[in-house]
Amino acid sequence: MKTANVNIRITPELKSAVENLYAEFGMSLSDAVNIFFHKSLLVGGLPFDLRQPRYNAEVEAAMQEAREIKAGKREAKVYTSIEDFKNDL
């Protein structure tokens, strides 16, 4: 039986984004935090490496654009010909 509470402060946007992400795996935010804590205990620390992002700003921006298109927050560009596509590059 779970009886302890952990309170954290995060932005509403981050909370919403991670809730949506974890929901895709059938988990709640609470489930994900519990998994994180258990994994931390198993490995004796943070369950991931702390590193600088391996992508440059242009790639990060493209990845964010793709996430927004997937989420329906942005329309994907549609090309009617390969020439239109090349001209947009």
Protein backbone atom coordinates (compact mmCIF):
# COMPACT_ATOMS: atom_id res chain seq x y z
CA MET A 1 0.00 0.00 0.00
CA LYS A 2 1.43 3.35 -1.06
CA THR A 3 1.06 6.04 1.59
CA ALA A 4 3.99 8.45 1.08
CA ASN A 5 3.69 11.58 -1.06
CA VAL A 6 6.36 13.40 -3.06
CA ASN A 7 5.63 16.95 -4.17
CA ILE A 8 7.58 18.53 -7.02
CA ARG A 9 7.16 21.77 -8.92
CA ILE A 10 7.30 21.69 -12.72
CA THR A 11 5.80 23.82 -15.44
CA PRO A 12 2.29 22.91 -16.59
CA GLU A 13 3.66 22.38 -20.11
CA LEU A 14 6.24 19.85 -18.93
CA LYS A 15 3.66 18.04 -16.81
CA SER A 16 1.27 17.79 -19.73
CA ALA A 17 4.00 16.62 -22.13
CA VAL A 18 5.25 13.85 -19.85
CA GLU A 19 1.73 12.76 -18.94
CA ASN A 20 0.97 12.39 -22.64
CA LEU A 21 4.23 10.52 -23.23
CA TYR A 22 3.70 8.09 -20.36
CA ALA A 23 0.06 7.56 -21.33
CA GLU A 24 1.33 6.14 -24.63
CA PHE A 25 2.95 3.41 -22.51
CA GLY A 26 -0.17 2.93 -20.38
CA MET A 27 1.42 4.61 -17.37
CA SER A 28 0.53 7.53 -15.17
CA LEU A 29 3.02 10.16 -14.08
CA SER A 30 3.03 8.51 -10.64
CA ASP A 31 3.83 5.12 -12.21
CA ALA A 32 6.73 6.63 -14.14
CA VAL A 33 8.17 8.35 -11.05
CA ASN A 34 7.95 5.07 -9.11
CA ILE A 35 9.80 3.28 -11.93
CA PHE A 36 12.45 6.02 -11.90
CA PHE A 37 12.95 5.64 -8.13
CA HIS A 38 13.13 1.84 -8.30
CA LYS A 39 15.62 1.95 -11.18
CA SER A 40 17.70 4.51 -9.26
CA LEU A 41 17.93 2.09 -6.36
CA LEU A 42 18.85 -0.80 -8.67
CA VAL A 43 21.73 1.08 -10.31
CA GLY A 44 22.81 3.03 -7.23
CA GLY A 45 22.27 6.48 -8.74
CA LEU A 46 20.59 8.23 -11.59
CA PRO A 47 19.36 5.63 -14.11
CA PHE A 48 20.81 7.54 -17.06
CA ASP A 49 24.00 9.33 -18.09
CA LEU A 50 24.12 13.10 -17.76
CA ARG A 51 25.43 14.52 -21.03
CA GLN A 52 25.07 17.52 -23.25
CA PRO A 53 22.57 17.02 -26.09
CA ARG A 54 24.21 15.32 -29.04
CA TYR A 55 22.16 17.24 -31.57
CA ASN A 56 22.84 20.77 -32.73
CA ALA A 57 20.22 23.51 -32.49
CA GLU A 58 19.01 22.98 -36.07
CA VAL A 59 18.37 19.27 -35.52
CA GLU A 60 16.71 19.95 -32.14
CA ALA A 61 14.40 22.48 -33.84
CA ALA A 62 13.50 19.97 -36.56
CA MET A 63 12.76 17.32 -33.95
CA GLN A 64 10.53 19.74 -32.05
CA GLU A 65 8.71 20.61 -35.28
CA ALA A 66 8.12 16.90 -35.92
CA ARG A 67 6.73 16.45 -32.38
CA GLU A 68 4.37 19.40 -32.91
CA ILE A 69 3.17 18.00 -36.25
CA LYS A 70 2.57 14.60 -34.63
CA ALA A 71 0.62 16.25 -31.80
CA GLY A 72 -1.52 18.20 -34.29
CA LYS A 73 -0.19 21.55 -33.07
CA ARG A 74 1.33 22.39 -36.45
CA GLU A 75 0.53 21.57 -40.06
CA ALA A 76 3.06 19.57 -42.05
CA LYS A 77 4.31 21.11 -45.28
CA VAL A 78 2.87 19.44 -48.36
CA TYR A 79 4.66 19.57 -51.70
CA THR A 80 3.03 18.95 -55.06
CA SER A 81 6.30 18.30 -56.87
CA ILE A 82 9.93 17.43 -56.20
CA GLU A 83 10.88 20.81 -57.64
CA ASP A 84 8.78 22.62 -54.98
CA PHE A 85 10.51 20.52 -52.32
CA LYS A 86 13.98 21.31 -53.68
CA ASN A 87 13.18 25.01 -53.90
CA ASP A 88 12.12 25.02 -50.23
CA LEU A 89 15.47 23.58 -49.18
